[in-house]
C-alpha atoms as a PDB file:
ATOM      1  CA  MET A   1     206.032 -24.837  91.282  1.00  0.00           C
ATOM      2  CA  SER A   2     202.308 -25.409  90.986  1.00  0.00           C
ATOM      3  CA  GLU A   3     202.026 -28.854  92.605  1.00  0.00           C
ATOM      4  CA  THR A   4     200.128 -29.082  95.862  1.00  0.00           C
ATOM      5  CA  ASN A   5     202.478 -31.770  97.190  1.00  0.00           C
ATOM      6  CA  TYR A   6     206.210 -31.346  97.700  1.00  0.00           C
ATOM      7  CA  ASP A   7     209.192 -33.506  98.519  1.00  0.00           C
ATOM      8  CA  ILE A   8     211.247 -31.458 100.952  1.00  0.00           C
ATOM      9  CA  LEU A   9     211.029 -28.248 102.967  1.00  0.00           C
ATOM     10  CA  CYS A  10     214.369 -26.798 104.091  1.00  0.00           C
ATOM     11  CA  ILE A  11     214.241 -24.410 107.056  1.00  0.00           C
ATOM     12  CA  GLY A  12     216.856 -21.940 108.269  1.00  0.00           C
ATOM     13  CA  ARG A  13     219.953 -20.076 107.212  1.00  0.00           C
ATOM     14  CA  SER A  14     220.341 -18.148 103.947  1.00  0.00           C
ATOM     15  CA  SER A  15     222.980 -15.685 102.829  1.00  0.00           C
ATOM     16  CA  ILE A  16     224.852 -13.978 100.070  1.00  0.00           C
ATOM     17  CA  ASP A  17     228.222 -15.735  99.842  1.00  0.00           C
ATOM     18  CA  LEU A  18     231.188 -13.698  98.639  1.00  0.00           C
ATOM     19  CA  TYR A  19     233.807 -16.210  97.471  1.00  0.00           C
ATOM     20  CA  SER A  20     237.376 -15.226  96.775  1.00  0.00           C
ATOM     21  CA  SER A  21     238.047 -14.939  93.054  1.00  0.00           C
ATOM     22  CA  ASP A  22     241.759 -15.447  93.780  1.00  0.00           C
ATOM     23  CA  ILE A  23     241.916 -19.191  94.359  1.00  0.00           C
ATOM     24  CA  GLY A  24     245.000 -20.033  96.369  1.00  0.00           C
ATOM     25  CA  ALA A  25     245.618 -16.504  97.622  1.00  0.00           C
ATOM     26  CA  PRO A  26     245.907 -15.873 101.379  1.00  0.00           C
ATOM     27  CA  PHE A  27     242.819 -14.112 102.706  1.00  0.00           C
ATOM     28  CA  GLU A  28     244.665 -10.837 103.274  1.00  0.00           C
ATOM     29  CA  GLU A  29     245.761 -10.780  99.630  1.00  0.00           C
ATOM     30  CA  ILE A  30     242.333 -11.317  98.033  1.00  0.00           C
ATOM     31  CA  THR A  31     241.588  -8.707  95.362  1.00  0.00           C
ATOM     32  CA  GLY A  32     238.039  -9.677  94.372  1.00  0.00           C
ATOM     33  CA  PHE A  33     234.998 -11.771  95.216  1.00  0.00           C
ATOM     34  CA  SER A  34     232.253 -13.566  93.295  1.00  0.00           C
ATOM     35  CA  ALA A  35     228.706 -13.327  94.653  1.00  0.00           C
ATOM     36  CA  PHE A  36     226.731 -16.539  95.126  1.00  0.00           C
ATOM     37  CA  VAL A  37     223.894 -17.785  97.350  1.00  0.00           C
ATOM     38  CA  GLY A  38     224.591 -19.879 100.444  1.00  0.00           C
ATOM     39  CA  GLY A  39     223.511 -21.148 103.841  1.00  0.00           C
ATOM     40  CA  CYS A  40     223.135 -24.856 104.662  1.00  0.00           C
ATOM     41  CA  PRO A  41     219.326 -25.238 104.222  1.00  0.00           C
ATOM     42  CA  THR A  42     219.357 -22.899 101.223  1.00  0.00           C
ATOM     43  CA  ASN A  43     222.105 -24.896  99.528  1.00  0.00           C
ATOM     44  CA  ILE A  44     220.190 -28.121 100.141  1.00  0.00           C
ATOM     45  CA  SER A  45     216.955 -26.664  98.772  1.00  0.00           C
ATOM     46  CA  VAL A  46     218.796 -25.853  95.548  1.00  0.00           C
ATOM     47  CA  GLY A  47     220.745 -29.119  95.509  1.00  0.00           C
ATOM     48  CA  THR A  48     217.632 -31.259  95.867  1.00  0.00           C
ATOM     49  CA  ARG A  49     215.746 -29.167  93.311  1.00  0.00           C
ATOM     50  CA  ARG A  50     218.504 -29.579  90.710  1.00  0.00           C
ATOM     51  CA  LEU A  51     218.343 -33.317  91.258  1.00  0.00           C
ATOM     52  CA  GLY A  52     214.628 -33.201  90.453  1.00  0.00           C
ATOM     53  CA  LEU A  53     212.847 -32.998  93.800  1.00  0.00           C
ATOM     54  CA  LYS A  54     210.017 -30.569  94.523  1.00  0.00           C
ATOM     55  CA  SER A  55     211.812 -28.376  97.036  1.00  0.00           C
ATOM     56  CA  ALA A  56     210.818 -25.374  99.120  1.00  0.00           C
ATOM     57  CA  LEU A  57     212.721 -23.051 101.441  1.00  0.00           C
ATOM     58  CA  LEU A  58     211.561 -21.306 104.589  1.00  0.00           C
ATOM     59  CA  THR A  59     214.080 -18.656 105.564  1.00  0.00           C
ATOM     60  CA  GLY A  60     214.116 -15.014 106.559  1.00  0.00           C
ATOM     61  CA  VAL A  61     215.487 -12.105 104.537  1.00  0.00           C
ATOM     62  CA  GLY A  62     215.492  -8.384 105.069  1.00  0.00           C
ATOM     63  CA  TYR A  63     213.849  -5.670 103.017  1.00  0.00           C
ATOM     64  CA  ASP A  64     217.154  -5.173 101.249  1.00  0.00           C
ATOM     65  CA  PRO A  65     218.895  -5.906  97.927  1.00  0.00           C
ATOM     66  CA  VAL A  66     220.656  -8.938  99.404  1.00  0.00           C
ATOM     67  CA  GLY A  67     217.291 -10.530 100.177  1.00  0.00           C
ATOM     68  CA  ASP A  68     216.147  -9.732  96.644  1.00  0.00           C
ATOM     69  CA  PHE A  69     219.359 -11.331  95.322  1.00  0.00           C
ATOM     70  CA  ILE A  70     218.691 -14.546  97.263  1.00  0.00           C
ATOM     71  CA  ILE A  71     215.023 -14.821  96.269  1.00  0.00           C
ATOM     72  CA  HIS A  72     215.745 -14.015  92.619  1.00  0.00           C
ATOM     73  CA  PHE A  73     218.252 -16.874  92.442  1.00  0.00           C
ATOM     74  CA  LEU A  74     215.909 -19.331  94.154  1.00  0.00           C
ATOM     75  CA  LYS A  75     213.052 -18.499  91.795  1.00  0.00           C
ATOM     76  CA  LYS A  76     215.312 -19.069  88.783  1.00  0.00           C
ATOM     77  CA  GLU A  77     216.211 -22.465  90.219  1.00  0.00           C
ATOM     78  CA  GLY A  78     212.565 -23.425  90.683  1.00  0.00           C
ATOM     79  CA  VAL A  79     212.714 -23.610  94.482  1.00  0.00           C
ATOM     80  CA  GLU A  80     209.357 -22.701  96.072  1.00  0.00           C
ATOM     81  CA  THR A  81     209.800 -19.313  97.798  1.00  0.00           C
ATOM     82  CA  ALA A  82     206.211 -18.685  98.911  1.00  0.00           C
ATOM     83  CA  TRP A  83     207.054 -19.138 102.597  1.00  0.00           C
ATOM     84  CA  ILE A  84     210.189 -16.996 102.742  1.00  0.00           C
ATOM     85  CA  ALA A  85     209.562 -14.313 105.366  1.00  0.00           C
ATOM     86  CA  LYS A  86     210.686 -10.717 104.978  1.00  0.00           C
ATOM     87  CA  LYS A  87     211.651  -9.354 108.382  1.00  0.00           C
ATOM     88  CA  GLU A  88     211.270  -5.644 109.140  1.00  0.00           C
ATOM     89  CA  GLY A  89     214.324  -4.168 110.837  1.00  0.00           C
ATOM     90  CA  ARG A  90     216.510  -7.181 110.049  1.00  0.00           C
ATOM     91  CA  ARG A  91     219.204  -7.676 107.443  1.00  0.00           C
ATOM     92  CA  SER A  92     219.833 -10.581 105.108  1.00  0.00           C
ATOM     93  CA  SER A  93     222.903 -12.551 106.122  1.00  0.00           C
ATOM     94  CA  ALA A  94     226.319 -12.537 104.434  1.00  0.00           C
ATOM     95  CA  VAL A  95     229.433 -14.722 104.440  1.00  0.00           C
ATOM     96  CA  ILE A  96     232.916 -13.952 103.087  1.00  0.00           C
ATOM     97  CA  LEU A  97     235.097 -16.907 102.111  1.00  0.00           C
ATOM     98  CA  GLY A  98     238.699 -17.499 101.147  1.00  0.00           C
ATOM     99  CA  ILE A  99     239.798 -20.447  99.001  1.00  0.00           C
ATOM    100  CA  GLU A 100     243.250 -21.948  99.600  1.00  0.00           C
ATOM    101  CA  PRO A 101     243.184 -25.571  98.394  1.00  0.00           C
ATOM    102  CA  PRO A 102     243.521 -28.285  99.472  1.00  0.00           C
ATOM    103  CA  ASP A 103     242.646 -27.669 103.114  1.00  0.00           C
ATOM    104  CA  LYS A 104     242.408 -23.985 104.038  1.00  0.00           C
ATOM    105  CA  PHE A 105     239.048 -22.272 103.494  1.00  0.00           C
ATOM    106  CA  PRO A 106     238.689 -19.382 105.968  1.00  0.00           C
ATOM    107  CA  LEU A 107     235.227 -17.863 106.306  1.00  0.00           C
ATOM    108  CA  VAL A 108     233.685 -14.961 108.191  1.00  0.00           C
ATOM    109  CA  TYR A 109     229.973 -14.761 109.054  1.00  0.00           C
ATOM    110  CA  TYR A 110     228.017 -11.490 109.164  1.00  0.00           C
ATOM    111  CA  ARG A 111     224.922 -12.466 111.136  1.00  0.00           C
ATOM    112  CA  ASP A 112     224.340  -9.634 113.594  1.00  0.00           C
ATOM    113  CA  ASN A 113     220.614  -8.846 113.535  1.00  0.00           C
ATOM    114  CA  CYS A 114     220.186 -11.277 110.634  1.00  0.00           C
ATOM    115  CA  ALA A 115     216.760 -12.004 109.216  1.00  0.00           C
ATOM    116  CA  ASP A 116     216.836 -15.805 109.084  1.00  0.00           C
ATOM    117  CA  ILE A 117     217.281 -16.116 112.852  1.00  0.00           C
ATOM    118  CA  ALA A 118     214.023 -14.126 113.207  1.00  0.00           C
ATOM    119  CA  ILE A 119     211.912 -16.968 111.762  1.00  0.00           C
ATOM    120  CA  ASP A 120     209.119 -17.569 114.276  1.00  0.00           C
ATOM    121  CA  MET A 121     206.296 -19.999 114.980  1.00  0.00           C
ATOM    122  CA  ASP A 122     203.840 -17.976 112.909  1.00  0.00           C
ATOM    123  CA  ASP A 123     206.105 -18.519 109.894  1.00  0.00           C
ATOM    124  CA  ILE A 124     205.975 -22.276 110.517  1.00  0.00           C
ATOM    125  CA  ARG A 125     202.181 -22.264 110.908  1.00  0.00           C
ATOM    126  CA  LYS A 126     201.804 -20.761 107.420  1.00  0.00           C
ATOM    127  CA  VAL A 127     203.428 -23.823 105.815  1.00  0.00           C
ATOM    128  CA  PRO A 128     201.345 -26.937 104.981  1.00  0.00           C
ATOM    129  CA  VAL A 129     203.920 -29.271 106.531  1.00  0.00           C
ATOM    130  CA  ASN A 130     201.756 -32.312 105.832  1.00  0.00           C
ATOM    131  CA  LYS A 131     202.208 -31.671 102.086  1.00  0.00           C
ATOM    132  CA  PHE A 132     205.911 -32.591 102.364  1.00  0.00           C
ATOM    133  CA  LYS A 133     207.655 -35.948 102.530  1.00  0.00           C
ATOM    134  CA  ALA A 134     210.475 -34.524 104.646  1.00  0.00           C
ATOM    135  CA  ILE A 135     211.666 -31.359 106.314  1.00  0.00           C
ATOM    136  CA  LEU A 136     215.280 -30.404 106.937  1.00  0.00           C
ATOM    137  CA  ILE A 137     216.397 -28.304 109.899  1.00  0.00           C
ATOM    138  CA  SER A 138     219.890 -27.227 110.938  1.00  0.00           C
ATOM    139  CA  GLY A 139     221.821 -26.701 114.137  1.00  0.00           C
ATOM    140  CA  THR A 140     222.357 -23.027 113.395  1.00  0.00           C
ATOM    141  CA  GLY A 141     218.597 -22.528 113.338  1.00  0.00           C
ATOM    142  CA  LEU A 142     218.612 -23.532 117.018  1.00  0.00           C
ATOM    143  CA  SER A 143     221.234 -20.982 118.050  1.00  0.00           C
ATOM    144  CA  LEU A 144     218.967 -18.038 118.977  1.00  0.00           C
ATOM    145  CA  GLU A 145     215.337 -17.135 119.542  1.00  0.00           C
ATOM    146  CA  PRO A 146     212.839 -16.926 117.927  1.00  0.00           C
ATOM    147  CA  SER A 147     214.343 -19.309 115.357  1.00  0.00           C
ATOM    148  CA  ARG A 148     215.133 -21.865 118.064  1.00  0.00           C
ATOM    149  CA  SER A 149     211.517 -22.311 119.133  1.00  0.00           C
ATOM    150  CA  ALA A 150     210.321 -22.148 115.521  1.00  0.00           C
ATOM    151  CA  THR A 151     212.747 -24.910 114.520  1.00  0.00           C
ATOM    152  CA  LEU A 152     211.673 -27.101 117.424  1.00  0.00           C
ATOM    153  CA  PHE A 153     208.030 -26.425 116.584  1.00  0.00           C
ATOM    154  CA  ALA A 154     208.608 -27.362 112.930  1.00  0.00           C
ATOM    155  CA  ALA A 155     210.280 -30.631 113.935  1.00  0.00           C
ATOM    156  CA  GLU A 156     207.521 -31.494 116.409  1.00  0.00           C
ATOM    157  CA  THR A 157     204.803 -30.650 113.879  1.00  0.00           C
ATOM    158  CA  ALA A 158     206.390 -32.748 111.144  1.00  0.00           C
ATOM    159  CA  HIS A 159     207.005 -35.647 113.504  1.00  0.00           C
ATOM    160  CA  ASP A 160     203.383 -35.619 114.679  1.00  0.00           C
ATOM    161  CA  GLN A 161     202.161 -35.609 111.069  1.00  0.00           C
ATOM    162  CA  GLY A 162     204.347 -38.513 109.951  1.00  0.00           C
ATOM    163  CA  VAL A 163     206.724 -36.334 107.913  1.00  0.00           C
ATOM    164  CA  LYS A 164     210.410 -37.330 108.056  1.00  0.00           C
ATOM    165  CA  VAL A 165     212.606 -34.890 109.980  1.00  0.00           C
ATOM    166  CA  VAL A 166     216.244 -34.462 108.916  1.00  0.00           C
ATOM    167  CA  LEU A 167     218.781 -32.626 111.077  1.00  0.00           C
ATOM    168  CA  ASP A 168     221.981 -31.291 109.560  1.00  0.00           C
ATOM    169  CA  ILE A 169     224.044 -30.575 112.686  1.00  0.00           C
ATOM    170  CA  ASP A 170     225.658 -27.595 110.896  1.00  0.00           C
ATOM    171  CA  PHE A 171     227.907 -26.675 113.847  1.00  0.00           C
ATOM    172  CA  ARG A 172     229.148 -23.117 113.394  1.00  0.00           C
ATOM    173  CA  ALA A 173     231.232 -22.535 116.498  1.00  0.00           C
ATOM    174  CA  ASP A 174     231.132 -18.745 116.441  1.00  0.00           C
ATOM    175  CA  GLN A 175     227.324 -18.811 116.709  1.00  0.00           C
ATOM    176  CA  TRP A 176     227.407 -20.452 120.156  1.00  0.00           C
ATOM    177  CA  PRO A 177     228.772 -19.414 123.584  1.00  0.00           C
ATOM    178  CA  ASP A 178     230.104 -22.860 124.560  1.00  0.00           C
ATOM    179  CA  LEU A 179     229.932 -26.532 123.656  1.00  0.00           C
ATOM    180  CA  GLN A 180     227.559 -27.458 126.468  1.00  0.00           C
ATOM    181  CA  THR A 181     224.958 -24.982 125.234  1.00  0.00           C
ATOM    182  CA  PHE A 182     225.273 -26.330 121.711  1.00  0.00           C
ATOM    183  CA  GLY A 183     225.047 -29.981 122.755  1.00  0.00           C
ATOM    184  CA  THR A 184     222.145 -29.508 125.138  1.00  0.00           C
ATOM    185  CA  THR A 185     220.172 -27.475 122.605  1.00  0.00           C
ATOM    186  CA  VAL A 186     220.717 -29.848 119.687  1.00  0.00           C
ATOM    187  CA  ARG A 187     219.813 -32.911 121.758  1.00  0.00           C
ATOM    188  CA  SER A 188     216.493 -31.288 122.676  1.00  0.00           C
ATOM    189  CA  VAL A 189     215.235 -31.754 119.109  1.00  0.00           C
ATOM    190  CA  LEU A 190     216.498 -35.320 118.581  1.00  0.00           C
ATOM    191  CA  PRO A 191     213.311 -37.111 119.786  1.00  0.00           C
ATOM    192  CA  TYR A 192     211.558 -35.647 116.729  1.00  0.00           C
ATOM    193  CA  VAL A 193     214.374 -36.411 114.264  1.00  0.00           C
ATOM    194  CA  ASP A 194     214.610 -39.398 111.911  1.00  0.00           C
ATOM    195  CA  ILE A 195     217.902 -38.684 110.092  1.00  0.00           C
ATOM    196  CA  VAL A 196     221.017 -36.915 111.422  1.00  0.00           C
ATOM    197  CA  ILE A 197     223.869 -35.706 109.201  1.00  0.00           C
ATOM    198  CA  GLY A 198     227.207 -34.442 110.495  1.00  0.00           C
ATOM    199  CA  THR A 199     231.002 -34.619 110.541  1.00  0.00           C
ATOM    200  CA  SER A 200     232.892 -36.280 113.398  1.00  0.00           C
ATOM    201  CA  GLU A 201     233.482 -32.916 115.101  1.00  0.00           C
ATOM    202  CA  GLU A 202     229.812 -31.984 114.692  1.00  0.00           C
ATOM    203  CA  VAL A 203     228.661 -35.316 116.116  1.00  0.00           C
ATOM    204  CA  LYS A 204     230.973 -34.976 119.114  1.00  0.00           C
ATOM    205  CA  ALA A 205     229.791 -31.398 119.684  1.00  0.00           C
ATOM    206  CA  ALA A 206     226.123 -32.428 119.480  1.00  0.00           C
ATOM    207  CA  ALA A 207     226.705 -35.162 122.071  1.00  0.00           C
ATOM    208  CA  TYR A 208     228.847 -33.009 124.365  1.00  0.00           C
ATOM    209  CA  LYS A 209     227.738 -33.040 128.016  1.00  0.00           C
ATOM    210  CA  GLY A 210     230.833 -31.600 129.655  1.00  0.00           C
ATOM    211  CA  SER A 211     231.334 -28.371 131.507  1.00  0.00           C
ATOM    212  CA  GLY A 212     230.055 -25.022 130.298  1.00  0.00           C
ATOM    213  CA  GLU A 213     233.607 -23.899 130.970  1.00  0.00           C
ATOM    214  CA  ALA A 214     234.468 -25.407 127.574  1.00  0.00           C
ATOM    215  CA  LYS A 215     234.276 -22.124 125.729  1.00  0.00           C
ATOM    216  CA  ILE A 216     234.708 -22.119 121.981  1.00  0.00           C
ATOM    217  CA  SER A 217     237.917 -20.429 120.910  1.00  0.00           C
ATOM    218  CA  HIS A 218     237.568 -17.735 118.278  1.00  0.00           C
ATOM    219  CA  SER A 219     240.690 -19.164 116.676  1.00  0.00           C
ATOM    220  CA  GLN A 220     238.684 -22.341 116.009  1.00  0.00           C
ATOM    221  CA  VAL A 221     235.496 -20.870 114.571  1.00  0.00           C
ATOM    222  CA  ASN A 222     235.687 -22.995 111.446  1.00  0.00           C
ATOM    223  CA  GLU A 223     236.189 -26.336 113.173  1.00  0.00           C
ATOM    224  CA  SER A 224     236.178 -26.485 116.955  1.00  0.00           C
ATOM    225  CA  LYS A 225     238.157 -29.505 118.157  1.00  0.00           C
ATOM    226  CA  VAL A 226     235.976 -31.419 120.592  1.00  0.00           C
ATOM    227  CA  ASP A 227     237.705 -33.757 123.037  1.00  0.00           C
ATOM    228  CA  ALA A 228     235.240 -36.650 123.100  1.00  0.00           C
ATOM    229  CA  ASP A 229     234.917 -40.298 122.064  1.00  0.00           C
ATOM    230  CA  LEU A 230     233.303 -40.543 118.628  1.00  0.00           C
ATOM    231  CA  ASP A 231     231.640 -43.951 119.088  1.00  0.00           C
ATOM    232  CA  GLN A 232     230.084 -42.884 122.373  1.00  0.00           C
ATOM    233  CA  SER A 233     228.937 -39.638 120.774  1.00  0.00           C
ATOM    234  CA  VAL A 234     227.210 -41.557 117.977  1.00  0.00           C
ATOM    235  CA  SER A 235     225.476 -43.736 120.566  1.00  0.00           C
ATOM    236  CA  THR A 236     224.387 -40.697 122.589  1.00  0.00           C
ATOM    237  CA  ILE A 237     222.685 -39.202 119.539  1.00  0.00           C
ATOM    238  CA  LEU A 238     221.003 -42.400 118.343  1.00  0.00           C
ATOM    239  CA  GLU A 239     219.720 -43.199 121.843  1.00  0.00           C
ATOM    240  CA  LYS A 240     217.599 -40.044 121.628  1.00  0.00           C
ATOM    241  CA  GLY A 241     215.488 -41.470 118.798  1.00  0.00           C
ATOM    242  CA  PRO A 242     216.932 -40.914 115.284  1.00  0.00           C
ATOM    243  CA  LYS A 243     216.755 -43.954 113.010  1.00  0.00           C
ATOM    244  CA  VAL A 244     220.049 -43.286 111.249  1.00  0.00           C
ATOM    245  CA  LEU A 245     223.132 -41.069 111.543  1.00  0.00           C
ATOM    246  CA  LEU A 246     225.199 -40.303 108.466  1.00  0.00           C
ATOM    247  CA  LEU A 247     228.748 -39.529 109.584  1.00  0.00           C
ATOM    248  CA  LYS A 248     230.556 -37.576 106.870  1.00  0.00           C
ATOM    249  CA  THR A 249     234.230 -38.524 106.560  1.00  0.00           C
ATOM    250  CA  GLY A 250     235.396 -36.331 103.674  1.00  0.00           C
ATOM    251  CA  ALA A 251     237.235 -38.088 100.859  1.00  0.00           C
ATOM    252  CA  ASP A 252     236.557 -41.441 102.562  1.00  0.00           C
ATOM    253  CA  GLY A 253     232.813 -41.018 102.035  1.00  0.00           C
ATOM    254  CA  CYS A 254     230.614 -41.619 105.064  1.00  0.00           C
ATOM    255  CA  MET A 255     229.720 -44.094 107.785  1.00  0.00           C
ATOM    256  CA  ILE A 256     226.087 -45.110 108.187  1.00  0.00           C
ATOM    257  CA  HIS A 257     225.120 -45.735 111.810  1.00  0.00           C
ATOM    258  CA  TYR A 258     221.742 -47.298 112.558  1.00  0.00           C
ATOM    259  CA  GLY A 259     219.556 -46.638 115.568  1.00  0.00           C
ATOM    260  CA  ASP A 260     218.237 -50.193 115.655  1.00  0.00           C
ATOM    261  CA  GLY A 261     221.620 -51.645 116.553  1.00  0.00           C
ATOM    262  CA  ASN A 262     222.486 -52.978 113.099  1.00  0.00           C
ATOM    263  CA  LYS A 263     226.186 -52.945 112.265  1.00  0.00           C
ATOM    264  CA  PRO A 264     227.452 -49.653 110.788  1.00  0.00           C
ATOM    265  CA  GLU A 265     228.496 -49.682 107.160  1.00  0.00           C
ATOM    266  CA  ARG A 266     230.712 -47.482 105.052  1.00  0.00           C
ATOM    267  CA  ALA A 267     229.671 -45.814 101.819  1.00  0.00           C
ATOM    268  CA  GLU A 268     232.923 -45.166  99.982  1.00  0.00           C
ATOM    269  CA  GLY A 269     233.746 -41.765  98.554  1.00  0.00           C
ATOM    270  CA  TYR A 270     234.944 -40.755  95.102  1.00  0.00           C
ATOM    271  CA  PRO A 271     238.495 -39.356  94.868  1.00  0.00           C
ATOM    272  CA  VAL A 272     238.763 -36.028  93.032  1.00  0.00           C
ATOM    273  CA  LYS A 273     241.066 -33.018  92.961  1.00  0.00           C
ATOM    274  CA  ILE A 274     239.837 -30.460  95.513  1.00  0.00           C
ATOM    275  CA  VAL A 275     239.180 -26.843  94.574  1.00  0.00           C
ATOM    276  CA  ASN A 276     236.861 -25.858  97.426  1.00  0.00           C
ATOM    277  CA  THR A 277     235.391 -28.076 100.149  1.00  0.00           C
ATOM    278  CA  LEU A 278     232.778 -25.520 101.237  1.00  0.00           C
ATOM    279  CA  GLY A 279     229.355 -26.752 100.168  1.00  0.00           C
ATOM    280  CA  ALA A 280     230.399 -30.384  99.784  1.00  0.00           C
ATOM    281  CA  GLY A 281     228.438 -31.425 102.868  1.00  0.00           C
ATOM    282  CA  ASP A 282     225.301 -29.724 101.596  1.00  0.00           C
ATOM    283  CA  ALA A 283     225.723 -31.431  98.220  1.00  0.00           C
ATOM    284  CA  PHE A 284     226.078 -34.748 100.062  1.00  0.00           C
ATOM    285  CA  ALA A 285     222.879 -34.077 101.997  1.00  0.00           C
ATOM    286  CA  SER A 286     221.071 -33.198  98.764  1.00  0.00           C
ATOM    287  CA  GLY A 287     222.057 -36.450  97.106  1.00  0.00           C
ATOM    288  CA  LEU A 288     221.326 -38.486 100.212  1.00  0.00           C
ATOM    289  CA  LEU A 289     217.832 -37.011 100.520  1.00  0.00           C
ATOM    290  CA  TYR A 290     217.189 -37.533  96.828  1.00  0.00           C
ATOM    291  CA  GLY A 291     217.935 -41.236  97.242  1.00  0.00           C
ATOM    292  CA  CYS A 292     215.946 -41.457 100.463  1.00  0.00           C
ATOM    293  CA  ILE A 293     212.863 -39.953  98.841  1.00  0.00           C
ATOM    294  CA  GLN A 294     213.275 -42.330  95.868  1.00  0.00           C
ATOM    295  CA  GLY A 295     213.130 -45.233  98.332  1.00  0.00           C
ATOM    296  CA  TRP A 296     216.743 -46.340  97.811  1.00  0.00           C
ATOM    297  CA  SER A 297     218.786 -48.170 100.434  1.00  0.00           C
ATOM    298  CA  TRP A 298     220.846 -46.049 102.837  1.00  0.00           C
ATOM    299  CA  HIS A 299     224.054 -47.294 101.236  1.00  0.00           C
ATOM    300  CA  LYS A 300     222.991 -46.405  97.689  1.00  0.00           C
ATOM    301  CA  SER A 301     221.626 -43.029  98.847  1.00  0.00           C
ATOM    302  CA  ALA A 302     224.860 -42.244 100.684  1.00  0.00           C
ATOM    303  CA  ARG A 303     226.967 -43.199  97.679  1.00  0.00           C
ATOM    304  CA  PHE A 304     224.867 -40.897  95.513  1.00  0.00           C
ATOM    305  CA  GLY A 305     225.372 -38.178  98.113  1.00  0.00           C
ATOM    306  CA  ASN A 306     229.111 -38.810  98.099  1.00  0.00           C
ATOM    307  CA  ALA A 307     229.114 -38.356  94.319  1.00  0.00           C
ATOM    308  CA  CYS A 308     227.305 -35.014  94.655  1.00  0.00           C
ATOM    309  CA  GLY A 309     229.836 -33.885  97.249  1.00  0.00           C
ATOM    310  CA  ALA A 310     232.758 -34.989  95.115  1.00  0.00           C
ATOM    311  CA  ILE A 311     231.468 -32.976  92.167  1.00  0.00           C
ATOM    312  CA  VAL A 312     231.001 -29.817  94.233  1.00  0.00           C
ATOM    313  CA  VAL A 313     234.520 -29.879  95.735  1.00  0.00           C
ATOM    314  CA  THR A 314     235.847 -29.473  92.182  1.00  0.00           C
ATOM    315  CA  ARG A 315     233.842 -26.239  91.786  1.00  0.00           C
ATOM    316  CA  HIS A 316     233.985 -22.663  93.041  1.00  0.00           C
ATOM    317  CA  GLY A 317     230.974 -22.325  95.342  1.00  0.00           C
ATOM    318  CA  CYS A 318     227.901 -23.919  96.942  1.00  0.00           C
ATOM    319  CA  ALA A 319     224.289 -23.457  95.790  1.00  0.00           C
ATOM    320  CA  ASN A 320     225.210 -22.086  92.368  1.00  0.00           C
ATOM    321  CA  PHE A 321     227.321 -25.153  91.616  1.00  0.00           C
ATOM    322  CA  MET A 322     225.101 -28.013  92.762  1.00  0.00           C
ATOM    323  CA  PRO A 323     224.982 -30.823  90.170  1.00  0.00           C
ATOM    324  CA  THR A 324     221.986 -32.082  88.233  1.00  0.00           C
ATOM    325  CA  ALA A 325     220.929 -35.728  88.342  1.00  0.00           C
ATOM    326  CA  GLU A 326     222.308 -36.194  84.833  1.00  0.00           C
ATOM    327  CA  GLU A 327     225.708 -34.836  85.889  1.00  0.00           C
ATOM    328  CA  VAL A 328     225.810 -37.138  88.904  1.00  0.00           C
ATOM    329  CA  GLU A 329     224.815 -40.174  86.848  1.00  0.00           C
ATOM    330  CA  ALA A 330     227.554 -39.429  84.301  1.00  0.00           C
ATOM    331  CA  PHE A 331     230.104 -38.900  87.074  1.00  0.00           C
ATOM    332  CA  VAL A 332     229.157 -42.141  88.804  1.00  0.00           C
ATOM    333  CA  ALA A 333     229.208 -44.125  85.552  1.00  0.00           C
ATOM    334  CA  ASP A 334     232.747 -42.875  84.896  1.00  0.00           C
ATOM    335  CA  LYS A 335     233.803 -43.874  88.432  1.00  0.00           C
ATOM    336  CA  GLY A 336     232.437 -47.405  88.377  1.00  0.00           C
ATOM    337  CA  GLY A 337     228.867 -46.902  89.566  1.00  0.00           C
ATOM    338  CA  LEU A 338     227.112 -46.635  92.915  1.00  0.00           C
END
């Protein structure tokens, strides 16, 4: 990508994703896997690029074949990789996923000593943040140092330079010691954030102010059930400064909550037959950001995002299966429009 100005910079997690080739099989009976590229910010960099935005990714990979695999795919997609950092002594991340439609998608993260959590402030300083219209950060990027400080620094830098900051809460329970640590850490970045994206459980976790005794059960690593009031949680987040919170509600689409006190509104979803829900949220974020950067209304942008998510749940994986703008337009036209 030769342009000196870009649309969006995605910062954080990347991985090789090994998806079960035996759709419907229990995890213990899987006989083979297909290799794709994944990680919330990585998926969104690809999703926005396929829709036509000028997208870049800042992540960390190791000096290993997995890192080469990730970068090779991104270059083929046209995502700017100039700021991807290779980290000596670290390994590129991996995820293994089972697929048991309609509602069981077990996944296991391999992130010990992973390269993307080693992103540091020097990596951020190398990026011309002011050349972007928006940056996207994720909750997982805040889980450990030095990525935590680098992510905060990126958000502060973008905010100070008038660049929109988008936070995908991306709550991965097994990356955190307890809910209080997660909530406190995520809220620390909210004064710099314009747009927040998350599910109801992610929103409640981000707003959580209870006891540190609330440890996260390893039996709930895919979706930790947070005992909290959703409306109050939304208010807690918006009171910190974001202009809008997009609350993902699965097949029902999403709720749009405004920081200025305007009445929330729903952007309806598009019913489809589910193959794999993993990656749907990242597809939604890609479509939402595409609309936002085009100057669309929040409702139209969210509906476009819902269409992207609906398309991806009918497919096998995440980044490799993100739709193009033409595919989304055809899908929407067949479903009655935005």
